[in-house]
PDB file of N, CA and C in Angstrom:
ATOM      1  N   UNK A   1      97.492  77.411  43.976  1.00  0.00           N
ATOM      2  CA  UNK A   1      96.603  78.512  43.637  1.00  0.00           C
ATOM      3  C   UNK A   1      95.159  78.029  43.740  1.00  0.00           C
ATOM      4  N   UNK A   2      94.339  78.808  44.399  1.00  0.00           N
ATOM      5  CA  UNK A   2      92.917  78.498  44.508  1.00  0.00           C
ATOM      6  C   UNK A   2      92.176  79.601  43.769  1.00  0.00           C
ATOM      7  N   UNK A   3      91.456  79.245  42.701  1.00  0.00           N
ATOM      8  CA  UNK A   3      90.683  80.240  41.957  1.00  0.00           C
ATOM      9  C   UNK A   3      91.557  81.323  41.378  1.00  0.00           C
ATOM     10  N   UNK A   4      91.216  82.577  41.680  1.00  0.00           N
ATOM     11  CA  UNK A   4      91.943  83.696  41.101  1.00  0.00           C
ATOM     12  C   UNK A   4      92.947  84.312  42.071  1.00  0.00           C
ATOM     13  N   UNK A   5      93.263  83.611  43.152  1.00  0.00           N
ATOM     14  CA  UNK A   5      94.208  84.101  44.147  1.00  0.00           C
ATOM     15  C   UNK A   5      95.319  83.087  44.376  1.00  0.00           C
ATOM     16  N   UNK A   6      96.476  83.593  44.789  1.00  0.00           N
ATOM     17  CA  UNK A   6      97.569  82.721  45.203  1.00  0.00           C
ATOM     18  C   UNK A   6      98.196  83.322  46.457  1.00  0.00           C
ATOM     19  N   UNK A   7      98.340  82.523  47.490  1.00  0.00           N
ATOM     20  CA  UNK A   7      98.973  83.017  48.703  1.00  0.00           C
ATOM     21  C   UNK A   7     100.474  83.154  48.461  1.00  0.00           C
ATOM     22  N   UNK A   8     101.021  84.266  48.906  1.00  0.00           N
ATOM     23  CA  UNK A   8     102.442  84.561  48.759  1.00  0.00           C
ATOM     24  C   UNK A   8     103.103  84.341  50.115  1.00  0.00           C
ATOM     25  N   UNK A   9     104.000  83.384  50.173  1.00  0.00           N
ATOM     26  CA  UNK A   9     104.703  83.113  51.431  1.00  0.00           C
ATOM     27  C   UNK A   9     106.131  83.630  51.393  1.00  0.00           C
ATOM     28  N   UNK A  10     106.708  83.698  50.207  1.00  0.00           N
ATOM     29  CA  UNK A  10     108.066  84.215  50.022  1.00  0.00           C
ATOM     30  C   UNK A  10     108.055  85.206  48.870  1.00  0.00           C
ATOM     31  N   UNK A  11     108.747  86.312  49.068  1.00  0.00           N
ATOM     32  CA  UNK A  11     108.847  87.310  48.007  1.00  0.00           C
ATOM     33  C   UNK A  11     110.239  87.920  48.045  1.00  0.00           C
ATOM     34  N   UNK A  12     110.568  88.676  47.032  1.00  0.00           N
ATOM     35  CA  UNK A  12     111.910  89.224  46.846  1.00  0.00           C
ATOM     36  C   UNK A  12     112.420  90.000  48.056  1.00  0.00           C
ATOM     37  N   UNK A  13     111.569  90.845  48.656  1.00  0.00           N
ATOM     38  CA  UNK A  13     111.988  91.695  49.765  1.00  0.00           C
ATOM     39  C   UNK A  13     111.604  91.144  51.135  1.00  0.00           C
ATOM     40  N   UNK A  14     111.043  89.940  51.181  1.00  0.00           N
ATOM     41  CA  UNK A  14     110.659  89.339  52.464  1.00  0.00           C
ATOM     42  C   UNK A  14     109.487  90.038  53.128  1.00  0.00           C
ATOM     43  N   UNK A  15     108.630  90.676  52.338  1.00  0.00           N
ATOM     44  CA  UNK A  15     107.503  91.431  52.895  1.00  0.00           C
ATOM     45  C   UNK A  15     106.527  90.509  53.612  1.00  0.00           C
ATOM     46  N   UNK A  16     106.192  89.375  53.016  1.00  0.00           N
ATOM     47  CA  UNK A  16     105.251  88.438  53.650  1.00  0.00           C
ATOM     48  C   UNK A  16     105.781  87.999  55.019  1.00  0.00           C
ATOM     49  N   UNK A  17     107.058  87.700  55.086  1.00  0.00           N
ATOM     50  CA  UNK A  17     107.684  87.286  56.350  1.00  0.00           C
ATOM     51  C   UNK A  17     107.677  88.440  57.358  1.00  0.00           C
ATOM     52  N   UNK A  18     107.984  89.645  56.898  1.00  0.00           N
ATOM     53  CA  UNK A  18     108.019  90.809  57.785  1.00  0.00           C
ATOM     54  C   UNK A  18     106.629  91.163  58.299  1.00  0.00           C
ATOM     55  N   UNK A  19     105.607  90.998  57.449  1.00  0.00           N
ATOM     56  CA  UNK A  19     104.237  91.230  57.905  1.00  0.00           C
ATOM     57  C   UNK A  19     103.863  90.232  58.996  1.00  0.00           C
ATOM     58  N   UNK A  20     104.237  88.985  58.801  1.00  0.00           N
ATOM     59  CA  UNK A  20     103.939  87.956  59.806  1.00  0.00           C
ATOM     60  C   UNK A  20     104.664  88.255  61.118  1.00  0.00           C
ATOM     61  N   UNK A  21     105.822  88.909  61.047  1.00  0.00           N
ATOM     62  CA  UNK A  21     106.544  89.289  62.260  1.00  0.00           C
ATOM     63  C   UNK A  21     105.807  90.408  63.004  1.00  0.00           C
ATOM     64  N   UNK A  22     105.132  91.275  62.260  1.00  0.00           N
ATOM     65  CA  UNK A  22     104.339  92.342  62.875  1.00  0.00           C
ATOM     66  C   UNK A  22     103.125  91.749  63.561  1.00  0.00           C
ATOM     67  N   UNK A  23     102.440  90.849  62.860  1.00  0.00           N
ATOM     68  CA  UNK A  23     101.236  90.191  63.380  1.00  0.00           C
ATOM     69  C   UNK A  23     101.150  88.827  62.711  1.00  0.00           C
ATOM     70  N   UNK A  24     101.172  87.776  63.479  1.00  0.00           N
ATOM     71  CA  UNK A  24     101.197  86.421  62.904  1.00  0.00           C
ATOM     72  C   UNK A  24      99.957  86.091  62.087  1.00  0.00           C
ATOM     73  N   UNK A  25      98.886  86.881  62.249  1.00  0.00           N
ATOM     74  CA  UNK A  25      97.662  86.641  61.482  1.00  0.00           C
ATOM     75  C   UNK A  25      97.674  87.279  60.092  1.00  0.00           C
ATOM     76  N   UNK A  26      98.663  88.136  59.816  1.00  0.00           N
ATOM     77  CA  UNK A  26      98.756  88.722  58.475  1.00  0.00           C
ATOM     78  C   UNK A  26      99.149  87.653  57.462  1.00  0.00           C
ATOM     79  N   UNK A  27      98.563  87.746  56.266  1.00  0.00           N
ATOM     80  CA  UNK A  27      99.016  86.927  55.145  1.00  0.00           C
ATOM     81  C   UNK A  27      98.790  87.697  53.865  1.00  0.00           C
ATOM     82  N   UNK A  28      99.547  87.335  52.834  1.00  0.00           N
ATOM     83  CA  UNK A  28      99.535  88.057  51.563  1.00  0.00           C
ATOM     84  C   UNK A  28      99.018  87.131  50.471  1.00  0.00           C
ATOM     85  N   UNK A  29      98.143  87.663  49.619  1.00  0.00           N
ATOM     86  CA  UNK A  29      97.701  86.923  48.438  1.00  0.00           C
ATOM     87  C   UNK A  29      97.885  87.811  47.218  1.00  0.00           C
ATOM     88  N   UNK A  30      98.060  87.179  46.075  1.00  0.00           N
ATOM     89  CA  UNK A  30      98.082  87.914  44.817  1.00  0.00           C
ATOM     90  C   UNK A  30      96.779  87.610  44.103  1.00  0.00           C
ATOM     91  N   UNK A  31      96.065  88.658  43.698  1.00  0.00           N
ATOM     92  CA  UNK A  31      94.809  88.523  42.974  1.00  0.00           C
ATOM     93  C   UNK A  31      95.104  88.606  41.479  1.00  0.00           C
ATOM     94  N   UNK A  32      94.905  87.512  40.795  1.00  0.00           N
ATOM     95  CA  UNK A  32      95.090  87.511  39.341  1.00  0.00           C
ATOM     96  C   UNK A  32      94.005  88.350  38.666  1.00  0.00           C
ATOM     97  N   UNK A  33      92.828  88.304  39.212  1.00  0.00           N
ATOM     98  CA  UNK A  33      91.711  89.048  38.633  1.00  0.00           C
ATOM     99  C   UNK A  33      91.968  90.551  38.680  1.00  0.00           C
ATOM    100  N   UNK A  34      92.485  91.043  39.820  1.00  0.00           N
ATOM    101  CA  UNK A  34      92.692  92.482  40.004  1.00  0.00           C
ATOM    102  C   UNK A  34      94.135  92.922  39.773  1.00  0.00           C
ATOM    103  N   UNK A  35      95.034  91.971  39.514  1.00  0.00           N
ATOM    104  CA  UNK A  35      96.461  92.259  39.299  1.00  0.00           C
ATOM    105  C   UNK A  35      97.042  93.093  40.422  1.00  0.00           C
ATOM    106  N   UNK A  36      96.853  92.621  41.647  1.00  0.00           N
ATOM    107  CA  UNK A  36      97.361  93.341  42.807  1.00  0.00           C
ATOM    108  C   UNK A  36      97.620  92.366  43.955  1.00  0.00           C
ATOM    109  N   UNK A  37      98.412  92.833  44.900  1.00  0.00           N
ATOM    110  CA  UNK A  37      98.647  92.082  46.130  1.00  0.00           C
ATOM    111  C   UNK A  37      97.627  92.551  47.152  1.00  0.00           C
ATOM    112  N   UNK A  38      97.175  91.641  47.961  1.00  0.00           N
ATOM    113  CA  UNK A  38      96.237  91.980  49.024  1.00  0.00           C
ATOM    114  C   UNK A  38      96.793  91.496  50.352  1.00  0.00           C
ATOM    115  N   UNK A  39      96.672  92.347  51.348  1.00  0.00           N
ATOM    116  CA  UNK A  39      97.105  92.005  52.690  1.00  0.00           C
ATOM    117  C   UNK A  39      95.851  91.660  53.489  1.00  0.00           C
ATOM    118  N   UNK A  40      95.867  90.495  54.102  1.00  0.00           N
ATOM    119  CA  UNK A  40      94.725  90.003  54.879  1.00  0.00           C
ATOM    120  C   UNK A  40      95.177  89.710  56.298  1.00  0.00           C
ATOM    121  N   UNK A  41      94.208  89.631  57.203  1.00  0.00           N
ATOM    122  CA  UNK A  41      94.502  89.288  58.584  1.00  0.00           C
ATOM    123  C   UNK A  41      93.460  88.291  59.069  1.00  0.00           C
ATOM    124  N   UNK A  42      93.925  87.105  59.440  1.00  0.00           N
ATOM    125  CA  UNK A  42      93.017  86.042  59.897  1.00  0.00           C
ATOM    126  C   UNK A  42      92.273  86.441  61.173  1.00  0.00           C
ATOM    127  N   UNK A  43      92.802  87.383  61.913  1.00  0.00           N
ATOM    128  CA  UNK A  43      92.182  87.829  63.159  1.00  0.00           C
ATOM    129  C   UNK A  43      90.979  88.743  62.965  1.00  0.00           C
ATOM    130  N   UNK A  44      90.774  89.234  61.752  1.00  0.00           N
ATOM    131  CA  UNK A  44      89.617  90.098  61.484  1.00  0.00           C
ATOM    132  C   UNK A  44      88.339  89.298  61.593  1.00  0.00           C
ATOM    133  N   UNK A  45      87.297  89.921  62.097  1.00  0.00           N
ATOM    134  CA  UNK A  45      85.992  89.267  62.140  1.00  0.00           C
ATOM    135  C   UNK A  45      85.328  89.447  60.782  1.00  0.00           C
ATOM    136  N   UNK A  46      84.776  88.375  60.248  1.00  0.00           N
ATOM    137  CA  UNK A  46      84.137  88.452  58.934  1.00  0.00           C
ATOM    138  C   UNK A  46      85.184  88.397  57.841  1.00  0.00           C
ATOM    139  N   UNK A  47      85.331  89.480  57.123  1.00  0.00           N
ATOM    140  CA  UNK A  47      86.255  89.563  55.996  1.00  0.00           C
ATOM    141  C   UNK A  47      87.689  89.753  56.489  1.00  0.00           C
ATOM    142  N   UNK A  48      88.637  89.009  55.935  1.00  0.00           N
ATOM    143  CA  UNK A  48      90.037  89.114  56.359  1.00  0.00           C
ATOM    144  C   UNK A  48      90.804  90.228  55.650  1.00  0.00           C
ATOM    145  N   UNK A  49      90.224  90.833  54.607  1.00  0.00           N
ATOM    146  CA  UNK A  49      90.906  91.847  53.802  1.00  0.00           C
ATOM    147  C   UNK A  49      91.271  93.064  54.645  1.00  0.00           C
ATOM    148  N   UNK A  50      92.520  93.543  54.479  1.00  0.00           N
ATOM    149  CA  UNK A  50      92.976  94.762  55.153  1.00  0.00           C
ATOM    150  C   UNK A  50      93.207  95.890  54.152  1.00  0.00           C
ATOM    151  N   UNK A  51      94.075  95.636  53.159  1.00  0.00           N
ATOM    152  CA  UNK A  51      94.346  96.640  52.130  1.00  0.00           C
ATOM    153  C   UNK A  51      95.026  95.972  50.949  1.00  0.00           C
ATOM    154  N   UNK A  52      95.099  96.700  49.854  1.00  0.00           N
ATOM    155  CA  UNK A  52      95.756  96.170  48.655  1.00  0.00           C
ATOM    156  C   UNK A  52      96.910  97.083  48.263  1.00  0.00           C
ATOM    157  N   UNK A  53      97.800  96.545  47.437  1.00  0.00           N
ATOM    158  CA  UNK A  53      98.929  97.326  46.945  1.00  0.00           C
ATOM    159  C   UNK A  53      99.384  96.727  45.615  1.00  0.00           C
ATOM    160  N   UNK A  54      99.906  97.563  44.715  1.00  0.00           N
ATOM    161  CA  UNK A  54     100.315  97.069  43.408  1.00  0.00           C
ATOM    162  C   UNK A  54     101.582  96.222  43.447  1.00  0.00           C
ATOM    163  N   UNK A  55     102.423  96.436  44.474  1.00  0.00           N
ATOM    164  CA  UNK A  55     103.655  95.658  44.600  1.00  0.00           C
ATOM    165  C   UNK A  55     103.978  95.504  46.082  1.00  0.00           C
ATOM    166  N   UNK A  56     104.843  94.568  46.383  1.00  0.00           N
ATOM    167  CA  UNK A  56     105.271  94.361  47.768  1.00  0.00           C
ATOM    168  C   UNK A  56     106.610  95.051  47.974  1.00  0.00           C
ATOM    169  N   UNK A  57     106.605  96.092  48.802  1.00  0.00           N
ATOM    170  CA  UNK A  57     107.836  96.804  49.127  1.00  0.00           C
ATOM    171  C   UNK A  57     107.698  97.436  50.499  1.00  0.00           C
ATOM    172  N   UNK A  58     108.628  98.293  50.851  1.00  0.00           N
ATOM    173  CA  UNK A  58     108.642  98.900  52.189  1.00  0.00           C
ATOM    174  C   UNK A  58     107.354  99.656  52.495  1.00  0.00           C
ATOM    175  N   UNK A  59     106.711 100.213  51.471  1.00  0.00           N
ATOM    176  CA  UNK A  59     105.448 100.937  51.696  1.00  0.00           C
ATOM    177  C   UNK A  59     104.372 100.015  52.255  1.00  0.00           C
ATOM    178  N   UNK A  60     104.428  98.745  51.892  1.00  0.00           N
ATOM    179  CA  UNK A  60     103.464  97.771  52.402  1.00  0.00           C
ATOM    180  C   UNK A  60     103.625  97.624  53.915  1.00  0.00           C
ATOM    181  N   UNK A  61     104.861  97.529  54.359  1.00  0.00           N
ATOM    182  CA  UNK A  61     105.140  97.419  55.797  1.00  0.00           C
ATOM    183  C   UNK A  61     104.687  98.686  56.523  1.00  0.00           C
ATOM    184  N   UNK A  62     105.016  99.847  55.955  1.00  0.00           N
ATOM    185  CA  UNK A  62     104.629 101.120  56.562  1.00  0.00           C
ATOM    186  C   UNK A  62     103.121 101.211  56.704  1.00  0.00           C
ATOM    187  N   UNK A  63     102.407 100.825  55.660  1.00  0.00           N
ATOM    188  CA  UNK A  63     100.940 100.894  55.711  1.00  0.00           C
ATOM    189  C   UNK A  63     100.367  99.901  56.721  1.00  0.00           C
ATOM    190  N   UNK A  64     100.944  98.723  56.789  1.00  0.00           N
ATOM    191  CA  UNK A  64     100.472  97.729  57.768  1.00  0.00           C
ATOM    192  C   UNK A  64     100.662  98.253  59.187  1.00  0.00           C
ATOM    193  N   UNK A  65     101.796  98.859  59.455  1.00  0.00           N
ATOM    194  CA  UNK A  65     102.047  99.419  60.787  1.00  0.00           C
ATOM    195  C   UNK A  65     101.098 100.571  61.093  1.00  0.00           C
ATOM    196  N   UNK A  66     100.841 101.394  60.077  1.00  0.00           N
ATOM    197  CA  UNK A  66      99.981 102.567  60.270  1.00  0.00           C
ATOM    198  C   UNK A  66      98.520 102.178  60.485  1.00  0.00           C
ATOM    199  N   UNK A  67      98.064 101.108  59.872  1.00  0.00           N
ATOM    200  CA  UNK A  67      96.640 100.767  59.904  1.00  0.00           C
ATOM    201  C   UNK A  67      96.294  99.669  60.914  1.00  0.00           C
ATOM    202  N   UNK A  68      97.164  99.384  61.837  1.00  0.00           N
ATOM    203  CA  UNK A  68      96.896  98.338  62.834  1.00  0.00           C
ATOM    204  C   UNK A  68      95.738  98.722  63.741  1.00  0.00           C
ATOM    205  N   UNK A  69      95.064  97.717  64.234  1.00  0.00           N
ATOM    206  CA  UNK A  69      93.917  97.915  65.131  1.00  0.00           C
ATOM    207  C   UNK A  69      94.242  98.813  66.316  1.00  0.00           C
ATOM    208  N   UNK A  70      95.440  98.689  66.835  1.00  0.00           N
ATOM    209  CA  UNK A  70      95.834  99.462  68.007  1.00  0.00           C
ATOM    210  C   UNK A  70      95.790 100.968  67.748  1.00  0.00           C
ATOM    211  N   UNK A  71      95.818 101.366  66.505  1.00  0.00           N
ATOM    212  CA  UNK A  71      95.848 102.786  66.144  1.00  0.00           C
ATOM    213  C   UNK A  71      94.498 103.298  65.669  1.00  0.00           C
ATOM    214  N   UNK A  72      93.418 102.549  65.861  1.00  0.00           N
ATOM    215  CA  UNK A  72      92.127 102.899  65.277  1.00  0.00           C
ATOM    216  C   UNK A  72      91.648 104.290  65.693  1.00  0.00           C
ATOM    217  N   UNK A  73      91.753 104.625  66.965  1.00  0.00           N
ATOM    218  CA  UNK A  73      91.282 105.947  67.404  1.00  0.00           C
ATOM    219  C   UNK A  73      92.099 107.064  66.776  1.00  0.00           C
ATOM    220  N   UNK A  74      93.401 106.887  66.741  1.00  0.00           N
ATOM    221  CA  UNK A  74      94.278 107.880  66.124  1.00  0.00           C
ATOM    222  C   UNK A  74      93.975 108.016  64.625  1.00  0.00           C
ATOM    223  N   UNK A  75      93.739 106.879  63.954  1.00  0.00           N
ATOM    224  CA  UNK A  75      93.415 106.904  62.525  1.00  0.00           C
ATOM    225  C   UNK A  75      92.096 107.611  62.259  1.00  0.00           C
ATOM    226  N   UNK A  76      91.110 107.375  63.106  1.00  0.00           N
ATOM    227  CA  UNK A  76      89.820 108.050  62.934  1.00  0.00           C
ATOM    228  C   UNK A  76      89.963 109.558  63.097  1.00  0.00           C
ATOM    229  N   UNK A  77      90.724 109.982  64.104  1.00  0.00           N
ATOM    230  CA  UNK A  77      90.963 111.418  64.299  1.00  0.00           C
ATOM    231  C   UNK A  77      91.695 112.014  63.099  1.00  0.00           C
ATOM    232  N   UNK A  78      92.691 111.285  62.595  1.00  0.00           N
ATOM    233  CA  UNK A  78      93.454 111.739  61.432  1.00  0.00           C
ATOM    234  C   UNK A  78      92.552 111.866  60.204  1.00  0.00           C
ATOM    235  N   UNK A  79      91.677 110.891  60.019  1.00  0.00           N
ATOM    236  CA  UNK A  79      90.751 110.915  58.886  1.00  0.00           C
ATOM    237  C   UNK A  79      89.786 112.089  59.004  1.00  0.00           C
ATOM    238  N   UNK A  80      89.248 112.302  60.198  1.00  0.00           N
ATOM    239  CA  UNK A  80      88.334 113.434  60.409  1.00  0.00           C
ATOM    240  C   UNK A  80      89.051 114.761  60.153  1.00  0.00           C
ATOM    241  N   UNK A  81      90.284 114.878  60.623  1.00  0.00           N
ATOM    242  CA  UNK A  81      91.084 116.101  60.406  1.00  0.00           C
ATOM    243  C   UNK A  81      91.326 116.328  58.910  1.00  0.00           C
ATOM    244  N   UNK A  82      91.680 115.259  58.199  1.00  0.00           N
ATOM    245  CA  UNK A  82      91.903 115.361  56.756  1.00  0.00           C
ATOM    246  C   UNK A  82      90.619 115.732  56.025  1.00  0.00           C
ATOM    247  N   UNK A  83      89.510 115.140  56.423  1.00  0.00           N
ATOM    248  CA  UNK A  83      88.228 115.448  55.785  1.00  0.00           C
ATOM    249  C   UNK A  83      87.828 116.908  56.008  1.00  0.00           C
ATOM    250  N   UNK A  84      88.068 117.422  57.222  1.00  0.00           N
ATOM    251  CA  UNK A  84      87.776 118.848  57.490  1.00  0.00           C
ATOM    252  C   UNK A  84      88.641 119.748  56.618  1.00  0.00           C
ATOM    253  N   UNK A  85      89.922 119.404  56.495  1.00  0.00           N
ATOM    254  CA  UNK A  85      90.841 120.199  55.661  1.00  0.00           C
ATOM    255  C   UNK A  85      90.395 120.185  54.203  1.00  0.00           C
ATOM    256  N   UNK A  86      90.051 119.022  53.696  1.00  0.00           N
ATOM    257  CA  UNK A  86      89.604 118.892  52.301  1.00  0.00           C
ATOM    258  C   UNK A  86      88.324 119.682  52.080  1.00  0.00           C
ATOM    259  N   UNK A  87      87.382 119.587  53.007  1.00  0.00           N
ATOM    260  CA  UNK A  87      86.128 120.338  52.886  1.00  0.00           C
ATOM    261  C   UNK A  87      86.391 121.837  52.877  1.00  0.00           C
ATOM    262  N   UNK A  88      87.285 122.295  53.749  1.00  0.00           N
ATOM    263  CA  UNK A  88      87.632 123.712  53.809  1.00  0.00           C
ATOM    264  C   UNK A  88      88.261 124.173  52.488  1.00  0.00           C
ATOM    265  N   UNK A  89      89.183 123.357  51.943  1.00  0.00           N
ATOM    266  CA  UNK A  89      89.832 123.704  50.671  1.00  0.00           C
ATOM    267  C   UNK A  89      88.826 123.734  49.523  1.00  0.00           C
ATOM    268  N   UNK A  90      87.951 122.738  49.476  1.00  0.00           N
ATOM    269  CA  UNK A  90      86.949 122.684  48.403  1.00  0.00           C
ATOM    270  C   UNK A  90      85.961 123.844  48.518  1.00  0.00           C
ATOM    271  N   UNK A  91      85.588 124.193  49.736  1.00  0.00           N
ATOM    272  CA  UNK A  91      84.682 125.326  49.941  1.00  0.00           C
ATOM    273  C   UNK A  91      85.344 126.619  49.474  1.00  0.00           C
ATOM    274  N   UNK A  92      86.621 126.796  49.800  1.00  0.00           N
ATOM    275  CA  UNK A  92      87.353 127.995  49.380  1.00  0.00           C
ATOM    276  C   UNK A  92      87.436 128.069  47.857  1.00  0.00           C
ATOM    277  N   UNK A  93      87.688 126.939  47.198  1.00  0.00           N
ATOM    278  CA  UNK A  93      87.736 126.911  45.731  1.00  0.00           C
ATOM    279  C   UNK A  93      86.391 127.282  45.133  1.00  0.00           C
ATOM    280  N   UNK A  94      85.323 126.751  45.701  1.00  0.00           N
ATOM    281  CA  UNK A  94      83.981 127.030  45.203  1.00  0.00           C
ATOM    282  C   UNK A  94      83.639 128.504  45.371  1.00  0.00           C
ATOM    283  N   UNK A  95      83.956 129.062  46.528  1.00  0.00           N
ATOM    284  CA  UNK A  95      83.699 130.490  46.776  1.00  0.00           C
ATOM    285  C   UNK A  95      84.482 131.342  45.779  1.00  0.00           C
ATOM    286  N   UNK A  96      85.736 130.973  45.524  1.00  0.00           N
ATOM    287  CA  UNK A  96      86.567 131.712  44.574  1.00  0.00           C
ATOM    288  C   UNK A  96      85.953 131.674  43.171  1.00  0.00           C
ATOM    289  N   UNK A  97      85.467 130.491  42.745  1.00  0.00           N
ATOM    290  CA  UNK A  97      84.831 130.369  41.425  1.00  0.00           C
ATOM    291  C   UNK A  97      83.579 131.231  41.339  1.00  0.00           C
ATOM    292  N   UNK A  98      82.795 131.223  42.405  1.00  0.00           N
ATOM    293  CA  UNK A  98      81.569 132.033  42.420  1.00  0.00           C
ATOM    294  C   UNK A  98      81.918 133.513  42.354  1.00  0.00           C
ATOM    295  N   UNK A  99      82.926 133.915  43.118  1.00  0.00           N
ATOM    296  CA  UNK A  99      83.351 135.322  43.097  1.00  0.00           C
ATOM    297  C   UNK A  99      83.821 135.731  41.707  1.00  0.00           C
ATOM    298  N   UNK A 100      84.634 134.891  41.064  1.00  0.00           N
ATOM    299  CA  UNK A 100      85.128 135.189  39.715  1.00  0.00           C
ATOM    300  C   UNK A 100      83.975 135.248  38.713  1.00  0.00           C
ATOM    301  N   UNK A 101      83.045 134.309  38.836  1.00  0.00           N
ATOM    302  CA  UNK A 101      81.882 134.306  37.940  1.00  0.00           C
ATOM    303  C   UNK A 101      81.025 135.548  38.115  1.00  0.00           C
ATOM    304  N   UNK A 102      80.811 135.943  39.360  1.00  0.00           N
ATOM    305  CA  UNK A 102      80.019 137.142  39.632  1.00  0.00           C
ATOM    306  C   UNK A 102      80.739 138.387  39.124  1.00  0.00           C
ATOM    307  N   UNK A 103      82.042 138.421  39.323  1.00  0.00           N
ATOM    308  CA  UNK A 103      82.839 139.561  38.855  1.00  0.00           C
ATOM    309  C   UNK A 103      82.752 139.681  37.334  1.00  0.00           C
ATOM    310  N   UNK A 104      82.869 138.564  36.624  1.00  0.00           N
ATOM    311  CA  UNK A 104      82.763 138.579  35.159  1.00  0.00           C
ATOM    312  C   UNK A 104      81.375 139.017  34.706  1.00  0.00           C
ATOM    313  N   UNK A 105      80.372 138.466  35.351  1.00  0.00           N
ATOM    314  CA  UNK A 105      78.991 138.800  34.990  1.00  0.00           C
ATOM    315  C   UNK A 105      78.716 140.296  35.204  1.00  0.00           C
ATOM    316  N   UNK A 106      79.190 140.829  36.304  1.00  0.00           N
ATOM    317  CA  UNK A 106      78.955 142.240  36.600  1.00  0.00           C
ATOM    318  C   UNK A 106      79.763 143.145  35.667  1.00  0.00           C
ATOM    319  N   UNK A 107      80.982 142.716  35.296  1.00  0.00           N
ATOM    320  CA  UNK A 107      81.794 143.550  34.414  1.00  0.00           C
ATOM    321  C   UNK A 107      81.205 143.553  32.987  1.00  0.00           C
ATOM    322  N   UNK A 108      80.607 142.465  32.551  1.00  0.00           N
ATOM    323  CA  UNK A 108      79.982 142.405  31.233  1.00  0.00           C
ATOM    324  C   UNK A 108      78.684 143.213  31.221  1.00  0.00           C
ATOM    325  N   UNK A 109      77.943 143.141  32.311  1.00  0.00           N
ATOM    326  CA  UNK A 109      76.663 143.855  32.394  1.00  0.00           C
ATOM    327  C   UNK A 109      76.856 145.351  32.497  1.00  0.00           C
ATOM    328  N   UNK A 110      77.965 145.783  33.079  1.00  0.00           N
ATOM    329  CA  UNK A 110      78.217 147.197  33.255  1.00  0.00           C
ATOM    330  C   UNK A 110      78.805 147.860  32.036  1.00  0.00           C
ATOM    331  N   UNK A 111      79.274 147.073  31.068  1.00  0.00           N
ATOM    332  CA  UNK A 111      79.934 147.650  29.893  1.00  0.00           C
ATOM    333  C   UNK A 111      78.967 148.155  28.865  1.00  0.00           C
TER     334      UNK A 111
END
């Protein structure tokens, strides 16, 4: 263990080994400070951090596959699509609140 991290080479479900099979530059550390597992990639320029997870299980593998460099354009499009959807939903909620507020104000003023 170095400082507040420990590299995980073997785990119950073989996640560290399976990540290395996906990309040999992947490695897993456990952060004692943050009480979480972190997935890193030695091939990253600058910071090796990729993502964190509370436990090592199949979701870790799924996320590693989904967030690979090869999928960056697809991920950006997906993120933009999700952001547009969220903005549309939030705008609709705000409009609904304004309409309800105006309706209440007008019904009280007319009484």
